[in-house]
Amino acid sequence: MAVVAVDAYATNSDSLSGCPRHIALITPSDTDELAACSLAISWAVDGAVKVLTVGGETVVIPAGSLTAQTQHSMRIRKIFNTGTTATGIISYW
């Protein structure tokens, strides 16, 4: 019989302070938005990250202003290819 993971937190409500339920490696795009808005993002290799927030602002997060390999809580709809130099970007939602 196959082992099936038990979700001890299945009855907890989703929130910005809670753990994300999904993770995806992101390919930045100047045309496509993320499949789902993020609760947090991270990147493996430091560099600039150009984003479109859920609130509608387009912002370039400068290289070195946030630590690589760390989850940063932010609600993001899109990560642009042009203006992004960080690599290994992950979205959590």
PDB file of N, CA and C in Angstrom:
ATOM      1  N   MET A   1       0.851  -1.188   0.000  1.00  0.00           N
ATOM      2  CA  MET A   1       0.000   0.000   0.000  1.00  0.00           C
ATOM      3  C   MET A   1       0.887   1.238   0.000  1.00  0.00           C
ATOM      4  N   ALA A   2       0.537   2.212  -0.809  1.00  0.00           N
ATOM      5  CA  ALA A   2       1.312   3.450  -0.914  1.00  0.00           C
ATOM      6  C   ALA A   2       1.127   4.298   0.338  1.00  0.00           C
ATOM      7  N   VAL A   3       2.174   5.020   0.682  1.00  0.00           N
ATOM      8  CA  VAL A   3       2.115   5.949   1.797  1.00  0.00           C
ATOM      9  C   VAL A   3       1.479   7.238   1.309  1.00  0.00           C
ATOM     10  N   VAL A   4       0.529   7.764   2.054  1.00  0.00           N
ATOM     11  CA  VAL A   4      -0.161   9.004   1.710  1.00  0.00           C
ATOM     12  C   VAL A   4       0.126  10.029   2.795  1.00  0.00           C
ATOM     13  N   ALA A   5       0.549  11.214   2.388  1.00  0.00           N
ATOM     14  CA  ALA A   5       0.870  12.267   3.341  1.00  0.00           C
ATOM     15  C   ALA A   5      -0.379  12.722   4.082  1.00  0.00           C
ATOM     16  N   VAL A   6      -0.226  12.980   5.364  1.00  0.00           N
ATOM     17  CA  VAL A   6      -1.312  13.500   6.184  1.00  0.00           C
ATOM     18  C   VAL A   6      -1.087  14.997   6.352  1.00  0.00           C
ATOM     19  N   ASP A   7      -2.110  15.785   6.082  1.00  0.00           N
ATOM     20  CA  ASP A   7      -2.020  17.232   6.242  1.00  0.00           C
ATOM     21  C   ASP A   7      -2.614  17.604   7.596  1.00  0.00           C
ATOM     22  N   ALA A   8      -1.741  17.809   8.576  1.00  0.00           N
ATOM     23  CA  ALA A   8      -2.188  18.146   9.929  1.00  0.00           C
ATOM     24  C   ALA A   8      -2.807  19.536   9.997  1.00  0.00           C
ATOM     25  N   TYR A   9      -2.623  20.336   8.941  1.00  0.00           N
ATOM     26  CA  TYR A   9      -3.109  21.714   8.939  1.00  0.00           C
ATOM     27  C   TYR A   9      -4.254  21.922   7.945  1.00  0.00           C
ATOM     28  N   ALA A  10      -4.846  20.855   7.465  1.00  0.00           N
ATOM     29  CA  ALA A  10      -5.882  20.949   6.434  1.00  0.00           C
ATOM     30  C   ALA A  10      -7.076  21.789   6.877  1.00  0.00           C
ATOM     31  N   THR A  11      -7.361  21.824   8.154  1.00  0.00           N
ATOM     32  CA  THR A  11      -8.518  22.583   8.632  1.00  0.00           C
ATOM     33  C   THR A  11      -8.173  24.031   8.968  1.00  0.00           C
ATOM     34  N   ASN A  12      -6.898  24.386   8.919  1.00  0.00           N
ATOM     35  CA  ASN A  12      -6.504  25.776   9.168  1.00  0.00           C
ATOM     36  C   ASN A  12      -6.872  26.631   7.973  1.00  0.00           C
ATOM     37  N   SER A  13      -7.280  27.867   8.225  1.00  0.00           N
ATOM     38  CA  SER A  13      -7.598  28.764   7.118  1.00  0.00           C
ATOM     39  C   SER A  13      -6.315  29.347   6.540  1.00  0.00           C
ATOM     40  N   ASP A  14      -6.348  29.639   5.238  1.00  0.00           N
ATOM     41  CA  ASP A  14      -5.205  30.262   4.581  1.00  0.00           C
ATOM     42  C   ASP A  14      -5.074  31.705   5.052  1.00  0.00           C
ATOM     43  N   SER A  15      -3.848  32.166   5.214  1.00  0.00           N
ATOM     44  CA  SER A  15      -3.608  33.554   5.597  1.00  0.00           C
ATOM     45  C   SER A  15      -2.215  33.952   5.153  1.00  0.00           C
ATOM     46  N   LEU A  16      -1.942  35.236   5.157  1.00  0.00           N
ATOM     47  CA  LEU A  16      -0.612  35.712   4.779  1.00  0.00           C
ATOM     48  C   LEU A  16       0.447  35.270   5.764  1.00  0.00           C
ATOM     49  N   SER A  17       0.066  34.999   7.009  1.00  0.00           N
ATOM     50  CA  SER A  17       1.046  34.573   8.008  1.00  0.00           C
ATOM     51  C   SER A  17       1.161  33.056   8.077  1.00  0.00           C
ATOM     52  N   GLY A  18       0.312  32.343   7.343  1.00  0.00           N
ATOM     53  CA  GLY A  18       0.351  30.892   7.353  1.00  0.00           C
ATOM     54  C   GLY A  18       1.327  30.337   6.332  1.00  0.00           C
ATOM     55  N   CYS A  19       1.467  29.038   6.338  1.00  0.00           N
ATOM     56  CA  CYS A  19       2.341  28.362   5.377  1.00  0.00           C
ATOM     57  C   CYS A  19       1.650  28.263   4.020  1.00  0.00           C
ATOM     58  N   PRO A  20       2.398  28.456   2.949  1.00  0.00           N
ATOM     59  CA  PRO A  20       1.801  28.305   1.620  1.00  0.00           C
ATOM     60  C   PRO A  20       1.465  26.841   1.348  1.00  0.00           C
ATOM     61  N   ARG A  21       0.497  26.637   0.492  1.00  0.00           N
ATOM     62  CA  ARG A  21       0.105  25.275   0.111  1.00  0.00           C
ATOM     63  C   ARG A  21       0.746  24.843  -1.206  1.00  0.00           C
ATOM     64  N   HIS A  22       1.264  25.799  -1.968  1.00  0.00           N
ATOM     65  CA  HIS A  22       1.812  25.495  -3.292  1.00  0.00           C
ATOM     66  C   HIS A  22       3.148  26.204  -3.485  1.00  0.00           C
ATOM     67  N   ILE A  23       3.991  25.599  -4.320  1.00  0.00           N
ATOM     68  CA  ILE A  23       5.305  26.163  -4.654  1.00  0.00           C
ATOM     69  C   ILE A  23       5.538  25.902  -6.143  1.00  0.00           C
ATOM     70  N   ALA A  24       6.098  26.899  -6.841  1.00  0.00           N
ATOM     71  CA  ALA A  24       6.419  26.699  -8.256  1.00  0.00           C
ATOM     72  C   ALA A  24       7.682  27.479  -8.606  1.00  0.00           C
ATOM     73  N   LEU A  25       8.527  26.866  -9.419  1.00  0.00           N
ATOM     74  CA  LEU A  25       9.677  27.553  -9.989  1.00  0.00           C
ATOM     75  C   LEU A  25       9.142  28.457 -11.090  1.00  0.00           C
ATOM     76  N   ILE A  26       9.569  29.716 -11.100  1.00  0.00           N
ATOM     77  CA  ILE A  26       9.022  30.720 -12.005  1.00  0.00           C
ATOM     78  C   ILE A  26       9.993  31.023 -13.140  1.00  0.00           C
ATOM     79  N   THR A  27       9.461  31.063 -14.344  1.00  0.00           N
ATOM     80  CA  THR A  27      10.185  31.583 -15.492  1.00  0.00           C
ATOM     81  C   THR A  27       9.667  32.998 -15.722  1.00  0.00           C
ATOM     82  N   PRO A  28      10.491  34.014 -15.471  1.00  0.00           N
ATOM     83  CA  PRO A  28      10.029  35.397 -15.657  1.00  0.00           C
ATOM     84  C   PRO A  28       9.530  35.616 -17.084  1.00  0.00           C
ATOM     85  N   SER A  29       8.491  36.457 -17.211  1.00  0.00           N
ATOM     86  CA  SER A  29       7.889  36.725 -18.508  1.00  0.00           C
ATOM     87  C   SER A  29       7.420  38.168 -18.570  1.00  0.00           C
ATOM     88  N   ASP A  30       7.627  38.809 -19.700  1.00  0.00           N
ATOM     89  CA  ASP A  30       7.135  40.169 -19.888  1.00  0.00           C
ATOM     90  C   ASP A  30       5.658  40.183 -20.286  1.00  0.00           C
ATOM     91  N   THR A  31       5.095  39.026 -20.641  1.00  0.00           N
ATOM     92  CA  THR A  31       3.697  38.974 -21.083  1.00  0.00           C
ATOM     93  C   THR A  31       2.794  38.208 -20.122  1.00  0.00           C
ATOM     94  N   ASP A  32       3.257  37.095 -19.571  1.00  0.00           N
ATOM     95  CA  ASP A  32       2.396  36.233 -18.760  1.00  0.00           C
ATOM     96  C   ASP A  32       2.486  36.564 -17.273  1.00  0.00           C
ATOM     97  N   GLU A  33       1.330  36.560 -16.615  1.00  0.00           N
ATOM     98  CA  GLU A  33       1.293  36.680 -15.165  1.00  0.00           C
ATOM     99  C   GLU A  33       1.498  35.294 -14.563  1.00  0.00           C
ATOM    100  N   LEU A  34       1.712  35.242 -13.251  1.00  0.00           N
ATOM    101  CA  LEU A  34       1.861  33.971 -12.553  1.00  0.00           C
ATOM    102  C   LEU A  34       0.549  33.205 -12.620  1.00  0.00           C
ATOM    103  N   ALA A  35       0.605  31.896 -12.471  1.00  0.00           N
ATOM    104  CA  ALA A  35      -0.611  31.081 -12.466  1.00  0.00           C
ATOM    105  C   ALA A  35      -1.492  31.437 -11.272  1.00  0.00           C
ATOM    106  N   ALA A  36      -0.862  31.841 -10.171  1.00  0.00           N
ATOM    107  CA  ALA A  36      -1.577  32.270  -8.964  1.00  0.00           C
ATOM    108  C   ALA A  36      -0.747  33.365  -8.300  1.00  0.00           C
ATOM    109  N   CYS A  37      -1.421  34.349  -7.729  1.00  0.00           N
ATOM    110  CA  CYS A  37      -0.713  35.422  -7.016  1.00  0.00           C
ATOM    111  C   CYS A  37       0.037  34.837  -5.828  1.00  0.00           C
ATOM    112  N   SER A  38       1.229  35.334  -5.602  1.00  0.00           N
ATOM    113  CA  SER A  38       2.081  34.780  -4.550  1.00  0.00           C
ATOM    114  C   SER A  38       1.697  35.280  -3.165  1.00  0.00           C
ATOM    115  N   LEU A  39       2.072  34.493  -2.171  1.00  0.00           N
ATOM    116  CA  LEU A  39       2.113  34.943  -0.779  1.00  0.00           C
ATOM    117  C   LEU A  39       3.537  35.362  -0.444  1.00  0.00           C
ATOM    118  N   ALA A  40       4.508  34.732  -1.133  1.00  0.00           N
ATOM    119  CA  ALA A  40       5.926  35.021  -0.919  1.00  0.00           C
ATOM    120  C   ALA A  40       6.695  34.591  -2.162  1.00  0.00           C
ATOM    121  N   ILE A  41       7.892  35.161  -2.335  1.00  0.00           N
ATOM    122  CA  ILE A  41       8.804  34.710  -3.383  1.00  0.00           C
ATOM    123  C   ILE A  41      10.204  34.604  -2.791  1.00  0.00           C
ATOM    124  N   SER A  42      11.018  33.818  -3.460  1.00  0.00           N
ATOM    125  CA  SER A  42      12.437  33.722  -3.111  1.00  0.00           C
ATOM    126  C   SER A  42      13.218  33.521  -4.393  1.00  0.00           C
ATOM    127  N   TRP A  43      14.540  33.664  -4.307  1.00  0.00           N
ATOM    128  CA  TRP A  43      15.394  33.406  -5.465  1.00  0.00           C
ATOM    129  C   TRP A  43      16.700  32.824  -4.967  1.00  0.00           C
ATOM    130  N   ALA A  44      17.287  31.967  -5.777  1.00  0.00           N
ATOM    131  CA  ALA A  44      18.495  31.252  -5.381  1.00  0.00           C
ATOM    132  C   ALA A  44      19.746  32.104  -5.541  1.00  0.00           C
ATOM    133  N   VAL A  45      19.828  32.860  -6.645  1.00  0.00           N
ATOM    134  CA  VAL A  45      21.013  33.653  -6.953  1.00  0.00           C
ATOM    135  C   VAL A  45      20.619  35.118  -6.989  1.00  0.00           C
ATOM    136  N   ASP A  46      21.329  35.937  -6.210  1.00  0.00           N
ATOM    137  CA  ASP A  46      20.999  37.342  -6.063  1.00  0.00           C
ATOM    138  C   ASP A  46      21.016  38.091  -7.385  1.00  0.00           C
ATOM    139  N   GLY A  47      20.137  39.051  -7.478  1.00  0.00           N
ATOM    140  CA  GLY A  47      20.023  39.927  -8.629  1.00  0.00           C
ATOM    141  C   GLY A  47      18.774  40.760  -8.471  1.00  0.00           C
ATOM    142  N   ALA A  48      18.525  41.649  -9.409  1.00  0.00           N
ATOM    143  CA  ALA A  48      17.323  42.475  -9.377  1.00  0.00           C
ATOM    144  C   ALA A  48      16.112  41.619  -9.747  1.00  0.00           C
ATOM    145  N   VAL A  49      14.954  41.989  -9.197  1.00  0.00           N
ATOM    146  CA  VAL A  49      13.700  41.310  -9.522  1.00  0.00           C
ATOM    147  C   VAL A  49      12.654  42.379  -9.819  1.00  0.00           C
ATOM    148  N   LYS A  50      12.136  42.371 -11.060  1.00  0.00           N
ATOM    149  CA  LYS A  50      11.099  43.323 -11.440  1.00  0.00           C
ATOM    150  C   LYS A  50       9.747  42.625 -11.326  1.00  0.00           C
ATOM    151  N   VAL A  51       8.846  43.215 -10.526  1.00  0.00           N
ATOM    152  CA  VAL A  51       7.569  42.582 -10.232  1.00  0.00           C
ATOM    153  C   VAL A  51       6.399  43.523 -10.484  1.00  0.00           C
ATOM    154  N   LEU A  52       5.230  42.920 -10.664  1.00  0.00           N
ATOM    155  CA  LEU A  52       3.957  43.628 -10.660  1.00  0.00           C
ATOM    156  C   LEU A  52       3.208  43.123  -9.434  1.00  0.00           C
ATOM    157  N   THR A  53       2.879  44.018  -8.513  1.00  0.00           N
ATOM    158  CA  THR A  53       2.214  43.614  -7.282  1.00  0.00           C
ATOM    159  C   THR A  53       0.720  43.399  -7.509  1.00  0.00           C
ATOM    160  N   VAL A  54       0.084  42.745  -6.560  1.00  0.00           N
ATOM    161  CA  VAL A  54      -1.359  42.571  -6.595  1.00  0.00           C
ATOM    162  C   VAL A  54      -2.041  43.941  -6.568  1.00  0.00           C
ATOM    163  N   GLY A  55      -1.418  44.914  -5.927  1.00  0.00           N
ATOM    164  CA  GLY A  55      -1.959  46.264  -5.861  1.00  0.00           C
ATOM    165  C   GLY A  55      -1.778  47.069  -7.134  1.00  0.00           C
ATOM    166  N   GLY A  56      -0.996  46.551  -8.098  1.00  0.00           N
ATOM    167  CA  GLY A  56      -0.848  47.203  -9.387  1.00  0.00           C
ATOM    168  C   GLY A  56       0.438  47.985  -9.595  1.00  0.00           C
ATOM    169  N   GLU A  57       1.338  48.005  -8.608  1.00  0.00           N
ATOM    170  CA  GLU A  57       2.613  48.719  -8.770  1.00  0.00           C
ATOM    171  C   GLU A  57       3.638  47.838  -9.483  1.00  0.00           C
ATOM    172  N   THR A  58       4.394  48.443 -10.387  1.00  0.00           N
ATOM    173  CA  THR A  58       5.546  47.769 -10.998  1.00  0.00           C
ATOM    174  C   THR A  58       6.781  48.297 -10.289  1.00  0.00           C
ATOM    175  N   VAL A  59       7.559  47.373  -9.714  1.00  0.00           N
ATOM    176  CA  VAL A  59       8.698  47.743  -8.877  1.00  0.00           C
ATOM    177  C   VAL A  59       9.895  46.874  -9.246  1.00  0.00           C
ATOM    178  N   VAL A  60      11.069  47.495  -9.303  1.00  0.00           N
ATOM    179  CA  VAL A  60      12.310  46.732  -9.440  1.00  0.00           C
ATOM    180  C   VAL A  60      12.931  46.652  -8.051  1.00  0.00           C
ATOM    181  N   ILE A  61      13.046  45.439  -7.532  1.00  0.00           N
ATOM    182  CA  ILE A  61      13.709  45.217  -6.250  1.00  0.00           C
ATOM    183  C   ILE A  61      15.200  45.111  -6.573  1.00  0.00           C
ATOM    184  N   PRO A  62      16.015  46.086  -6.141  1.00  0.00           N
ATOM    185  CA  PRO A  62      17.425  46.093  -6.526  1.00  0.00           C
ATOM    186  C   PRO A  62      18.199  44.895  -5.974  1.00  0.00           C
ATOM    187  N   ALA A  63      19.189  44.463  -6.735  1.00  0.00           N
ATOM    188  CA  ALA A  63      20.069  43.385  -6.280  1.00  0.00           C
ATOM    189  C   ALA A  63      20.663  43.754  -4.928  1.00  0.00           C
ATOM    190  N   GLY A  64      20.658  42.809  -4.014  1.00  0.00           N
ATOM    191  CA  GLY A  64      21.253  43.024  -2.702  1.00  0.00           C
ATOM    192  C   GLY A  64      20.343  43.671  -1.679  1.00  0.00           C
ATOM    193  N   SER A  65      19.176  44.164  -2.093  1.00  0.00           N
ATOM    194  CA  SER A  65      18.298  44.809  -1.112  1.00  0.00           C
ATOM    195  C   SER A  65      17.522  43.797  -0.275  1.00  0.00           C
ATOM    196  N   LEU A  66      17.297  42.597  -0.811  1.00  0.00           N
ATOM    197  CA  LEU A  66      16.693  41.496  -0.066  1.00  0.00           C
ATOM    198  C   LEU A  66      17.589  40.278  -0.212  1.00  0.00           C
ATOM    199  N   THR A  67      17.648  39.468   0.804  1.00  0.00           N
ATOM    200  CA  THR A  67      18.554  38.324   0.844  1.00  0.00           C
ATOM    201  C   THR A  67      18.084  37.199  -0.073  1.00  0.00           C
ATOM    202  N   ALA A  68      19.006  36.693  -0.890  1.00  0.00           N
ATOM    203  CA  ALA A  68      18.722  35.514  -1.711  1.00  0.00           C
ATOM    204  C   ALA A  68      18.538  34.312  -0.790  1.00  0.00           C
ATOM    205  N   GLN A  69      17.857  33.287  -1.270  1.00  0.00           N
ATOM    206  CA  GLN A  69      17.632  32.036  -0.552  1.00  0.00           C
ATOM    207  C   GLN A  69      16.804  32.230   0.711  1.00  0.00           C
ATOM    208  N   THR A  70      15.945  33.250   0.700  1.00  0.00           N
ATOM    209  CA  THR A  70      15.055  33.541   1.819  1.00  0.00           C
ATOM    210  C   THR A  70      13.675  33.870   1.263  1.00  0.00           C
ATOM    211  N   GLN A  71      12.629  33.351   1.904  1.00  0.00           N
ATOM    212  CA  GLN A  71      11.269  33.710   1.491  1.00  0.00           C
ATOM    213  C   GLN A  71      10.967  35.136   1.919  1.00  0.00           C
ATOM    214  N   HIS A  72      10.431  35.914   0.995  1.00  0.00           N
ATOM    215  CA  HIS A  72      10.039  37.291   1.275  1.00  0.00           C
ATOM    216  C   HIS A  72       8.538  37.411   1.029  1.00  0.00           C
ATOM    217  N   SER A  73       7.797  37.736   2.073  1.00  0.00           N
ATOM    218  CA  SER A  73       6.346  37.872   1.949  1.00  0.00           C
ATOM    219  C   SER A  73       6.024  39.045   1.051  1.00  0.00           C
ATOM    220  N   MET A  74       5.370  38.764  -0.047  1.00  0.00           N
ATOM    221  CA  MET A  74       4.898  39.815  -0.945  1.00  0.00           C
ATOM    222  C   MET A  74       3.886  39.229  -1.906  1.00  0.00           C
ATOM    223  N   ARG A  75       2.844  39.983  -2.160  1.00  0.00           N
ATOM    224  CA  ARG A  75       1.763  39.566  -3.051  1.00  0.00           C
ATOM    225  C   ARG A  75       2.095  40.041  -4.459  1.00  0.00           C
ATOM    226  N   ILE A  76       2.515  39.097  -5.304  1.00  0.00           N
ATOM    227  CA  ILE A  76       3.007  39.378  -6.651  1.00  0.00           C
ATOM    228  C   ILE A  76       2.103  38.702  -7.680  1.00  0.00           C
ATOM    229  N   ARG A  77       1.803  39.430  -8.784  1.00  0.00           N
ATOM    230  CA  ARG A  77       1.028  38.879  -9.908  1.00  0.00           C
ATOM    231  C   ARG A  77       1.908  38.475 -11.067  1.00  0.00           C
ATOM    232  N   LYS A  78       3.066  39.154 -11.194  1.00  0.00           N
ATOM    233  CA  LYS A  78       3.912  38.937 -12.368  1.00  0.00           C
ATOM    234  C   LYS A  78       5.363  39.202 -12.000  1.00  0.00           C
ATOM    235  N   ILE A  79       6.255  38.418 -12.572  1.00  0.00           N
ATOM    236  CA  ILE A  79       7.692  38.657 -12.471  1.00  0.00           C
ATOM    237  C   ILE A  79       8.195  38.828 -13.897  1.00  0.00           C
ATOM    238  N   PHE A  80       8.682  40.020 -14.194  1.00  0.00           N
ATOM    239  CA  PHE A  80       9.099  40.372 -15.550  1.00  0.00           C
ATOM    240  C   PHE A  80      10.447  39.746 -15.899  1.00  0.00           C
ATOM    241  N   ASN A  81      10.611  39.391 -17.176  1.00  0.00           N
ATOM    242  CA  ASN A  81      11.901  38.936 -17.671  1.00  0.00           C
ATOM    243  C   ASN A  81      12.853  40.124 -17.810  1.00  0.00           C
ATOM    244  N   THR A  82      12.368  41.191 -18.467  1.00  0.00           N
ATOM    245  CA  THR A  82      13.175  42.400 -18.630  1.00  0.00           C
ATOM    246  C   THR A  82      13.270  43.104 -17.282  1.00  0.00           C
ATOM    247  N   GLY A  83      14.481  43.316 -16.809  1.00  0.00           N
ATOM    248  CA  GLY A  83      14.681  43.972 -15.527  1.00  0.00           C
ATOM    249  C   GLY A  83      14.954  43.007 -14.388  1.00  0.00           C
ATOM    250  N   THR A  84      14.802  41.697 -14.639  1.00  0.00           N
ATOM    251  CA  THR A  84      15.084  40.680 -13.617  1.00  0.00           C
ATOM    252  C   THR A  84      16.390  39.989 -13.942  1.00  0.00           C
ATOM    253  N   THR A  85      17.321  40.027 -12.984  1.00  0.00           N
ATOM    254  CA  THR A  85      18.601  39.340 -13.163  1.00  0.00           C
ATOM    255  C   THR A  85      18.798  38.218 -12.140  1.00  0.00           C
ATOM    256  N   ALA A  86      17.971  38.184 -11.098  1.00  0.00           N
ATOM    257  CA  ALA A  86      18.022  37.088 -10.128  1.00  0.00           C
ATOM    258  C   ALA A  86      17.592  35.794 -10.849  1.00  0.00           C
ATOM    259  N   THR A  87      18.088  34.666 -10.372  1.00  0.00           N
ATOM    260  CA  THR A  87      17.718  33.391 -10.975  1.00  0.00           C
ATOM    261  C   THR A  87      17.254  32.417  -9.895  1.00  0.00           C
ATOM    262  N   GLY A  88      16.584  31.375 -10.348  1.00  0.00           N
ATOM    263  CA  GLY A  88      16.056  30.384  -9.410  1.00  0.00           C
ATOM    264  C   GLY A  88      14.904  30.953  -8.595  1.00  0.00           C
ATOM    265  N   ILE A  89      14.014  31.695  -9.267  1.00  0.00           N
ATOM    266  CA  ILE A  89      12.908  32.355  -8.569  1.00  0.00           C
ATOM    267  C   ILE A  89      11.787  31.361  -8.291  1.00  0.00           C
ATOM    268  N   ILE A  90      11.291  31.403  -7.065  1.00  0.00           N
ATOM    269  CA  ILE A  90      10.219  30.500  -6.631  1.00  0.00           C
ATOM    270  C   ILE A  90       9.076  31.341  -6.082  1.00  0.00           C
ATOM    271  N   SER A  91       7.860  30.956  -6.455  1.00  0.00           N
ATOM    272  CA  SER A  91       6.649  31.587  -5.920  1.00  0.00           C
ATOM    273  C   SER A  91       5.989  30.604  -4.957  1.00  0.00           C
ATOM    274  N   TYR A  92       5.499  31.141  -3.844  1.00  0.00           N
ATOM    275  CA  TYR A  92       4.799  30.354  -2.826  1.00  0.00           C
ATOM    276  C   TYR A  92       3.403  30.939  -2.697  1.00  0.00           C
ATOM    277  N   TRP A  93       2.368  30.073  -2.700  1.00  0.00           N
ATOM    278  CA  TRP A  93       1.008  30.547  -2.504  1.00  0.00           C
ATOM    279  C   TRP A  93       0.149  29.511  -1.825  1.00  0.00           C
TER     280      TRP A  93
END
